[in-house]
Amino acid sequence: MTALRRTVKIRGAPIQALDLQTICYKCDRSRAHGNHTKYSKLRQAEAAERRARERV
């Protein structure tokens, strides 16, 4: 079946695989299971702070 599968292309170039963390580094559990809203907000705040420091 995999031989018949098409590769997805955007603007003529194949899509690269996403480099995402599957395990939450805060609680060491899968990010796909359970409620990770609290950890998501913490990660977003850390990223915003990191971007602000890089701009200076």
PDB file of N, CA and C in Angstrom:
ATOM      1  N   MET A   1       0.801  -1.185   0.000  1.00  0.00           N
ATOM      2  CA  MET A   1       0.000   0.000   0.000  1.00  0.00           C
ATOM      3  C   MET A   1       0.848   1.255   0.000  1.00  0.00           C
ATOM      4  N   THR A   2       2.006   1.220   0.653  1.00  0.00           N
ATOM      5  CA  THR A   2       2.821   2.429   0.720  1.00  0.00           C
ATOM      6  C   THR A   2       3.404   2.805  -0.628  1.00  0.00           C
ATOM      7  N   ALA A   3       3.559   1.846  -1.527  1.00  0.00           N
ATOM      8  CA  ALA A   3       4.092   2.163  -2.838  1.00  0.00           C
ATOM      9  C   ALA A   3       3.108   3.012  -3.636  1.00  0.00           C
ATOM     10  N   LEU A   4       1.832   2.936  -3.313  1.00  0.00           N
ATOM     11  CA  LEU A   4       0.824   3.701  -4.042  1.00  0.00           C
ATOM     12  C   LEU A   4       0.549   5.059  -3.408  1.00  0.00           C
ATOM     13  N   ARG A   5       1.107   5.314  -2.238  1.00  0.00           N
ATOM     14  CA  ARG A   5       0.838   6.556  -1.534  1.00  0.00           C
ATOM     15  C   ARG A   5       1.570   7.717  -2.207  1.00  0.00           C
ATOM     16  N   ARG A   6       0.868   8.826  -2.399  1.00  0.00           N
ATOM     17  CA  ARG A   6       1.473  10.007  -3.015  1.00  0.00           C
ATOM     18  C   ARG A   6       2.169  10.848  -1.960  1.00  0.00           C
ATOM     19  N   THR A   7       3.213  11.541  -2.348  1.00  0.00           N
ATOM     20  CA  THR A   7       3.839  12.490  -1.438  1.00  0.00           C
ATOM     21  C   THR A   7       3.125  13.822  -1.598  1.00  0.00           C
ATOM     22  N   VAL A   8       2.875  14.487  -0.504  1.00  0.00           N
ATOM     23  CA  VAL A   8       2.183  15.758  -0.521  1.00  0.00           C
ATOM     24  C   VAL A   8       3.165  16.845  -0.928  1.00  0.00           C
ATOM     25  N   LYS A   9       2.747  17.696  -1.854  1.00  0.00           N
ATOM     26  CA  LYS A   9       3.611  18.781  -2.313  1.00  0.00           C
ATOM     27  C   LYS A   9       2.882  20.112  -2.182  1.00  0.00           C
ATOM     28  N   ILE A  10       3.607  21.110  -1.749  1.00  0.00           N
ATOM     29  CA  ILE A  10       3.084  22.473  -1.721  1.00  0.00           C
ATOM     30  C   ILE A  10       3.996  23.312  -2.594  1.00  0.00           C
ATOM     31  N   ARG A  11       3.424  23.963  -3.564  1.00  0.00           N
ATOM     32  CA  ARG A  11       4.167  24.782  -4.530  1.00  0.00           C
ATOM     33  C   ARG A  11       5.278  23.985  -5.204  1.00  0.00           C
ATOM     34  N   GLY A  12       5.014  22.732  -5.477  1.00  0.00           N
ATOM     35  CA  GLY A  12       5.949  21.903  -6.210  1.00  0.00           C
ATOM     36  C   GLY A  12       7.042  21.246  -5.394  1.00  0.00           C
ATOM     37  N   ALA A  13       7.122  21.536  -4.093  1.00  0.00           N
ATOM     38  CA  ALA A  13       8.164  20.952  -3.243  1.00  0.00           C
ATOM     39  C   ALA A  13       7.519  20.034  -2.208  1.00  0.00           C
ATOM     40  N   PRO A  14       8.136  18.895  -1.932  1.00  0.00           N
ATOM     41  CA  PRO A  14       7.557  18.003  -0.915  1.00  0.00           C
ATOM     42  C   PRO A  14       7.623  18.635   0.475  1.00  0.00           C
ATOM     43  N   ILE A  15       6.649  18.318   1.306  1.00  0.00           N
ATOM     44  CA  ILE A  15       6.577  18.855   2.663  1.00  0.00           C
ATOM     45  C   ILE A  15       7.571  18.117   3.550  1.00  0.00           C
ATOM     46  N   GLN A  16       8.299  18.869   4.366  1.00  0.00           N
ATOM     47  CA  GLN A  16       9.226  18.277   5.322  1.00  0.00           C
ATOM     48  C   GLN A  16       8.453  17.795   6.549  1.00  0.00           C
ATOM     49  N   ALA A  17       8.979  16.797   7.220  1.00  0.00           N
ATOM     50  CA  ALA A  17       8.364  16.302   8.438  1.00  0.00           C
ATOM     51  C   ALA A  17       8.516  17.359   9.538  1.00  0.00           C
ATOM     52  N   LEU A  18       7.500  17.502  10.374  1.00  0.00           N
ATOM     53  CA  LEU A  18       7.560  18.457  11.465  1.00  0.00           C
ATOM     54  C   LEU A  18       8.441  17.931  12.582  1.00  0.00           C
ATOM     55  N   ASP A  19       9.234  18.803  13.155  1.00  0.00           N
ATOM     56  CA  ASP A  19      10.118  18.424  14.250  1.00  0.00           C
ATOM     57  C   ASP A  19       9.474  18.876  15.551  1.00  0.00           C
ATOM     58  N   LEU A  20       8.547  18.073  16.057  1.00  0.00           N
ATOM     59  CA  LEU A  20       7.814  18.422  17.263  1.00  0.00           C
ATOM     60  C   LEU A  20       8.155  17.461  18.395  1.00  0.00           C
ATOM     61  N   GLN A  21       8.167  17.994  19.591  1.00  0.00           N
ATOM     62  CA  GLN A  21       8.379  17.167  20.771  1.00  0.00           C
ATOM     63  C   GLN A  21       7.074  16.461  21.104  1.00  0.00           C
ATOM     64  N   THR A  22       7.099  15.162  21.313  1.00  0.00           N
ATOM     65  CA  THR A  22       5.883  14.429  21.662  1.00  0.00           C
ATOM     66  C   THR A  22       5.729  14.280  23.166  1.00  0.00           C
ATOM     67  N   ILE A  23       6.829  14.436  23.882  1.00  0.00           N
ATOM     68  CA  ILE A  23       6.800  14.314  25.337  1.00  0.00           C
ATOM     69  C   ILE A  23       6.961  15.702  25.937  1.00  0.00           C
ATOM     70  N   CYS A  24       6.114  16.030  26.870  1.00  0.00           N
ATOM     71  CA  CYS A  24       6.179  17.315  27.564  1.00  0.00           C
ATOM     72  C   CYS A  24       7.411  17.318  28.456  1.00  0.00           C
ATOM     73  N   TYR A  25       8.264  18.334  28.306  1.00  0.00           N
ATOM     74  CA  TYR A  25       9.476  18.369  29.120  1.00  0.00           C
ATOM     75  C   TYR A  25       9.207  18.868  30.531  1.00  0.00           C
ATOM     76  N   LYS A  26       8.018  19.374  30.783  1.00  0.00           N
ATOM     77  CA  LYS A  26       7.656  19.836  32.124  1.00  0.00           C
ATOM     78  C   LYS A  26       7.188  18.671  32.999  1.00  0.00           C
ATOM     79  N   CYS A  27       6.355  17.788  32.444  1.00  0.00           N
ATOM     80  CA  CYS A  27       5.785  16.708  33.262  1.00  0.00           C
ATOM     81  C   CYS A  27       6.181  15.311  32.769  1.00  0.00           C
ATOM     82  N   ASP A  28       6.953  15.223  31.669  1.00  0.00           N
ATOM     83  CA  ASP A  28       7.434  13.948  31.109  1.00  0.00           C
ATOM     84  C   ASP A  28       6.314  12.992  30.724  1.00  0.00           C
ATOM     85  N   ARG A  29       5.189  13.538  30.283  1.00  0.00           N
ATOM     86  CA  ARG A  29       4.095  12.717  29.760  1.00  0.00           C
ATOM     87  C   ARG A  29       3.832  13.110  28.314  1.00  0.00           C
ATOM     88  N   SER A  30       3.090  12.284  27.609  1.00  0.00           N
ATOM     89  CA  SER A  30       2.735  12.577  26.235  1.00  0.00           C
ATOM     90  C   SER A  30       1.890  13.839  26.164  1.00  0.00           C
ATOM     91  N   ARG A  31       2.219  14.732  25.228  1.00  0.00           N
ATOM     92  CA  ARG A  31       1.460  15.969  25.088  1.00  0.00           C
ATOM     93  C   ARG A  31       0.111  15.739  24.417  1.00  0.00           C
ATOM     94  N   ALA A  32      -0.075  14.568  23.800  1.00  0.00           N
ATOM     95  CA  ALA A  32      -1.324  14.269  23.121  1.00  0.00           C
ATOM     96  C   ALA A  32      -2.392  13.759  24.083  1.00  0.00           C
ATOM     97  N   HIS A  33      -1.999  13.375  25.281  1.00  0.00           N
ATOM     98  CA  HIS A  33      -2.951  12.826  26.243  1.00  0.00           C
ATOM     99  C   HIS A  33      -3.053  13.729  27.453  1.00  0.00           C
ATOM    100  N   GLY A  34      -4.239  13.932  27.902  1.00  0.00           N
ATOM    101  CA  GLY A  34      -4.445  14.743  29.104  1.00  0.00           C
ATOM    102  C   GLY A  34      -4.515  16.222  28.779  1.00  0.00           C
ATOM    103  N   ASN A  35      -4.680  17.005  29.810  1.00  0.00           N
ATOM    104  CA  ASN A  35      -4.826  18.440  29.655  1.00  0.00           C
ATOM    105  C   ASN A  35      -3.471  19.113  29.881  1.00  0.00           C
ATOM    106  N   HIS A  36      -2.899  19.660  28.829  1.00  0.00           N
ATOM    107  CA  HIS A  36      -1.605  20.326  28.913  1.00  0.00           C
ATOM    108  C   HIS A  36      -1.746  21.824  28.704  1.00  0.00           C
ATOM    109  N   THR A  37      -2.896  22.375  29.021  1.00  0.00           N
ATOM    110  CA  THR A  37      -3.126  23.808  28.847  1.00  0.00           C
ATOM    111  C   THR A  37      -2.168  24.612  29.713  1.00  0.00           C
ATOM    112  N   LYS A  38      -1.984  24.202  30.942  1.00  0.00           N
ATOM    113  CA  LYS A  38      -1.096  24.918  31.865  1.00  0.00           C
ATOM    114  C   LYS A  38       0.334  24.928  31.322  1.00  0.00           C
ATOM    115  N   TYR A  39       0.807  23.780  30.856  1.00  0.00           N
ATOM    116  CA  TYR A  39       2.161  23.679  30.340  1.00  0.00           C
ATOM    117  C   TYR A  39       2.299  24.415  29.015  1.00  0.00           C
ATOM    118  N   SER A  40       1.247  24.395  28.210  1.00  0.00           N
ATOM    119  CA  SER A  40       1.263  25.120  26.951  1.00  0.00           C
ATOM    120  C   SER A  40       1.427  26.617  27.196  1.00  0.00           C
ATOM    121  N   LYS A  41       0.697  27.150  28.156  1.00  0.00           N
ATOM    122  CA  LYS A  41       0.803  28.575  28.492  1.00  0.00           C
ATOM    123  C   LYS A  41       2.201  28.907  29.004  1.00  0.00           C
ATOM    124  N   LEU A  42       2.785  28.016  29.809  1.00  0.00           N
ATOM    125  CA  LEU A  42       4.151  28.238  30.298  1.00  0.00           C
ATOM    126  C   LEU A  42       5.151  28.251  29.147  1.00  0.00           C
ATOM    127  N   ARG A  43       5.013  27.301  28.210  1.00  0.00           N
ATOM    128  CA  ARG A  43       5.916  27.257  27.053  1.00  0.00           C
ATOM    129  C   ARG A  43       5.773  28.502  26.202  1.00  0.00           C
ATOM    130  N   GLN A  44       4.531  28.975  25.992  1.00  0.00           N
ATOM    131  CA  GLN A  44       4.306  30.183  25.191  1.00  0.00           C
ATOM    132  C   GLN A  44       4.936  31.394  25.860  1.00  0.00           C
ATOM    133  N   ALA A  45       4.811  31.510  27.171  1.00  0.00           N
ATOM    134  CA  ALA A  45       5.403  32.631  27.903  1.00  0.00           C
ATOM    135  C   ALA A  45       6.925  32.582  27.815  1.00  0.00           C
ATOM    136  N   GLU A  46       7.512  31.385  27.949  1.00  0.00           N
ATOM    137  CA  GLU A  46       8.960  31.242  27.841  1.00  0.00           C
ATOM    138  C   GLU A  46       9.444  31.619  26.450  1.00  0.00           C
ATOM    139  N   ALA A  47       8.715  31.198  25.419  1.00  0.00           N
ATOM    140  CA  ALA A  47       9.105  31.518  24.045  1.00  0.00           C
ATOM    141  C   ALA A  47       9.008  33.027  23.793  1.00  0.00           C
ATOM    142  N   ALA A  48       7.964  33.669  24.309  1.00  0.00           N
ATOM    143  CA  ALA A  48       7.817  35.113  24.137  1.00  0.00           C
ATOM    144  C   ALA A  48       8.952  35.852  24.834  1.00  0.00           C
ATOM    145  N   GLU A  49       9.325  35.388  26.020  1.00  0.00           N
ATOM    146  CA  GLU A  49      10.428  36.005  26.755  1.00  0.00           C
ATOM    147  C   GLU A  49      11.753  35.817  26.009  1.00  0.00           C
ATOM    148  N   ARG A  50      11.956  34.613  25.455  1.00  0.00           N
ATOM    149  CA  ARG A  50      13.169  34.329  24.698  1.00  0.00           C
ATOM    150  C   ARG A  50      13.265  35.210  23.459  1.00  0.00           C
ATOM    151  N   ARG A  51      12.127  35.382  22.741  1.00  0.00           N
ATOM    152  CA  ARG A  51      12.119  36.245  21.561  1.00  0.00           C
ATOM    153  C   ARG A  51      12.392  37.697  21.938  1.00  0.00           C
ATOM    154  N   ALA A  52      11.860  38.162  23.071  1.00  0.00           N
ATOM    155  CA  ALA A  52      12.084  39.530  23.515  1.00  0.00           C
ATOM    156  C   ALA A  52      13.567  39.753  23.835  1.00  0.00           C
ATOM    157  N   ARG A  53      14.217  38.774  24.442  1.00  0.00           N
ATOM    158  CA  ARG A  53      15.637  38.896  24.756  1.00  0.00           C
ATOM    159  C   ARG A  53      16.482  38.901  23.493  1.00  0.00           C
ATOM    160  N   GLU A  54      16.070  38.140  22.461  1.00  0.00           N
ATOM    161  CA  GLU A  54      16.838  38.073  21.218  1.00  0.00           C
ATOM    162  C   GLU A  54      16.753  39.380  20.443  1.00  0.00           C
ATOM    163  N   ARG A  55      15.667  40.117  20.572  1.00  0.00           N
ATOM    164  CA  ARG A  55      15.486  41.378  19.844  1.00  0.00           C
ATOM    165  C   ARG A  55      16.386  42.485  20.379  1.00  0.00           C
ATOM    166  N   VAL A  56      16.754  42.391  21.641  1.00  0.00           N
ATOM    167  CA  VAL A  56      17.556  43.462  22.258  1.00  0.00           C
ATOM    168  C   VAL A  56      18.986  43.396  21.830  1.00  0.00           C
TER     169      VAL A  56
END
